[in-house]
Amino acid sequence: MSRPRFNPRGDFPLQRPRAPNPSGMRPPG
C-alpha cells in the first residue's frame, strides 16, 4: 500500500512517530 504520490520515502503514521498527524499524508514541512 505504498503511496509514492506525495511521499516517495514512504512516510506513514506507522513508521513516522515524529509527526503528530493522524492522517500522515504529508510531512509537516
N, C-alpha and C. Protein backbone atom coordinates (compact mmCIF):
# COMPACT_ATOMS: atom_id res chain seq x y z
N MET A 1 0.84 -1.20 0.00
CA MET A 1 0.00 0.00 0.00
C MET A 1 0.87 1.26 0.00
N SER A 2 1.89 1.23 -0.82
CA SER A 2 2.80 2.38 -0.90
C SER A 2 2.19 3.50 -1.74
N ARG A 3 2.31 4.71 -1.24
CA ARG A 3 1.76 5.85 -2.00
C ARG A 3 2.87 6.84 -2.33
N PRO A 4 3.63 6.56 -3.38
CA PRO A 4 4.75 7.40 -3.80
C PRO A 4 4.27 8.68 -4.49
N ARG A 5 2.99 9.00 -4.34
CA ARG A 5 2.44 10.20 -4.99
C ARG A 5 2.97 11.46 -4.31
N PHE A 6 2.90 11.47 -2.97
CA PHE A 6 3.34 12.65 -2.24
C PHE A 6 4.46 12.30 -1.26
N ASN A 7 4.63 11.00 -1.02
CA ASN A 7 5.69 10.58 -0.10
C ASN A 7 6.48 9.41 -0.69
N PRO A 8 7.48 9.72 -1.49
CA PRO A 8 8.31 8.70 -2.13
C PRO A 8 9.17 7.96 -1.10
N ARG A 9 9.34 8.59 0.06
CA ARG A 9 10.15 7.96 1.11
C ARG A 9 9.32 6.98 1.92
N GLY A 10 8.03 7.04 1.73
CA GLY A 10 7.17 6.12 2.47
C GLY A 10 6.89 6.63 3.86
N ASP A 11 6.59 7.93 3.98
CA ASP A 11 6.31 8.50 5.30
C ASP A 11 4.89 8.17 5.73
N PHE A 12 4.76 7.21 6.61
CA PHE A 12 3.44 6.83 7.09
C PHE A 12 3.34 7.06 8.59
N PRO A 13 2.11 7.20 9.09
CA PRO A 13 1.88 7.43 10.52
C PRO A 13 2.33 6.23 11.36
N LEU A 14 2.62 5.13 10.69
CA LEU A 14 3.05 3.93 11.40
C LEU A 14 4.57 3.90 11.52
N GLN A 15 5.25 4.48 10.54
CA GLN A 15 6.71 4.45 10.52
C GLN A 15 7.31 5.78 10.97
N ARG A 16 6.45 6.83 11.02
CA ARG A 16 6.97 8.13 11.42
C ARG A 16 6.23 8.69 12.62
N PRO A 17 6.68 8.33 13.83
CA PRO A 17 6.06 8.81 15.06
C PRO A 17 6.45 10.26 15.35
N ARG A 18 7.26 10.84 14.48
CA ARG A 18 7.72 12.22 14.67
C ARG A 18 6.64 13.21 14.26
N ALA A 19 5.68 12.71 13.47
CA ALA A 19 4.60 13.59 13.01
C ALA A 19 3.31 13.27 13.76
N PRO A 20 2.76 14.28 14.44
CA PRO A 20 1.52 14.12 15.20
C PRO A 20 0.29 14.13 14.30
N ASN A 21 0.51 13.91 13.00
CA ASN A 21 -0.61 13.92 12.06
C ASN A 21 -1.32 12.57 12.07
N PRO A 22 -2.61 12.59 12.38
CA PRO A 22 -3.42 11.38 12.40
C PRO A 22 -3.60 10.83 11.00
N SER A 23 -3.46 11.70 10.02
CA SER A 23 -3.63 11.28 8.62
C SER A 23 -2.31 10.72 8.11
N GLY A 24 -1.23 11.47 8.35
CA GLY A 24 0.07 11.00 7.90
C GLY A 24 0.18 11.03 6.39
N MET A 25 -0.48 11.97 5.77
CA MET A 25 -0.46 12.05 4.31
C MET A 25 0.71 12.89 3.83
N ARG A 26 0.92 14.04 4.51
CA ARG A 26 2.01 14.92 4.10
C ARG A 26 2.89 15.27 5.29
N PRO A 27 4.18 15.34 5.08
CA PRO A 27 5.12 15.69 6.15
C PRO A 27 4.92 17.13 6.60
N PRO A 28 5.07 17.40 7.91
CA PRO A 28 4.87 18.75 8.46
C PRO A 28 6.00 19.69 8.07
N GLY A 29 6.15 19.94 6.80
CA GLY A 29 7.24 20.78 6.36
C GLY A 29 6.87 21.50 5.08
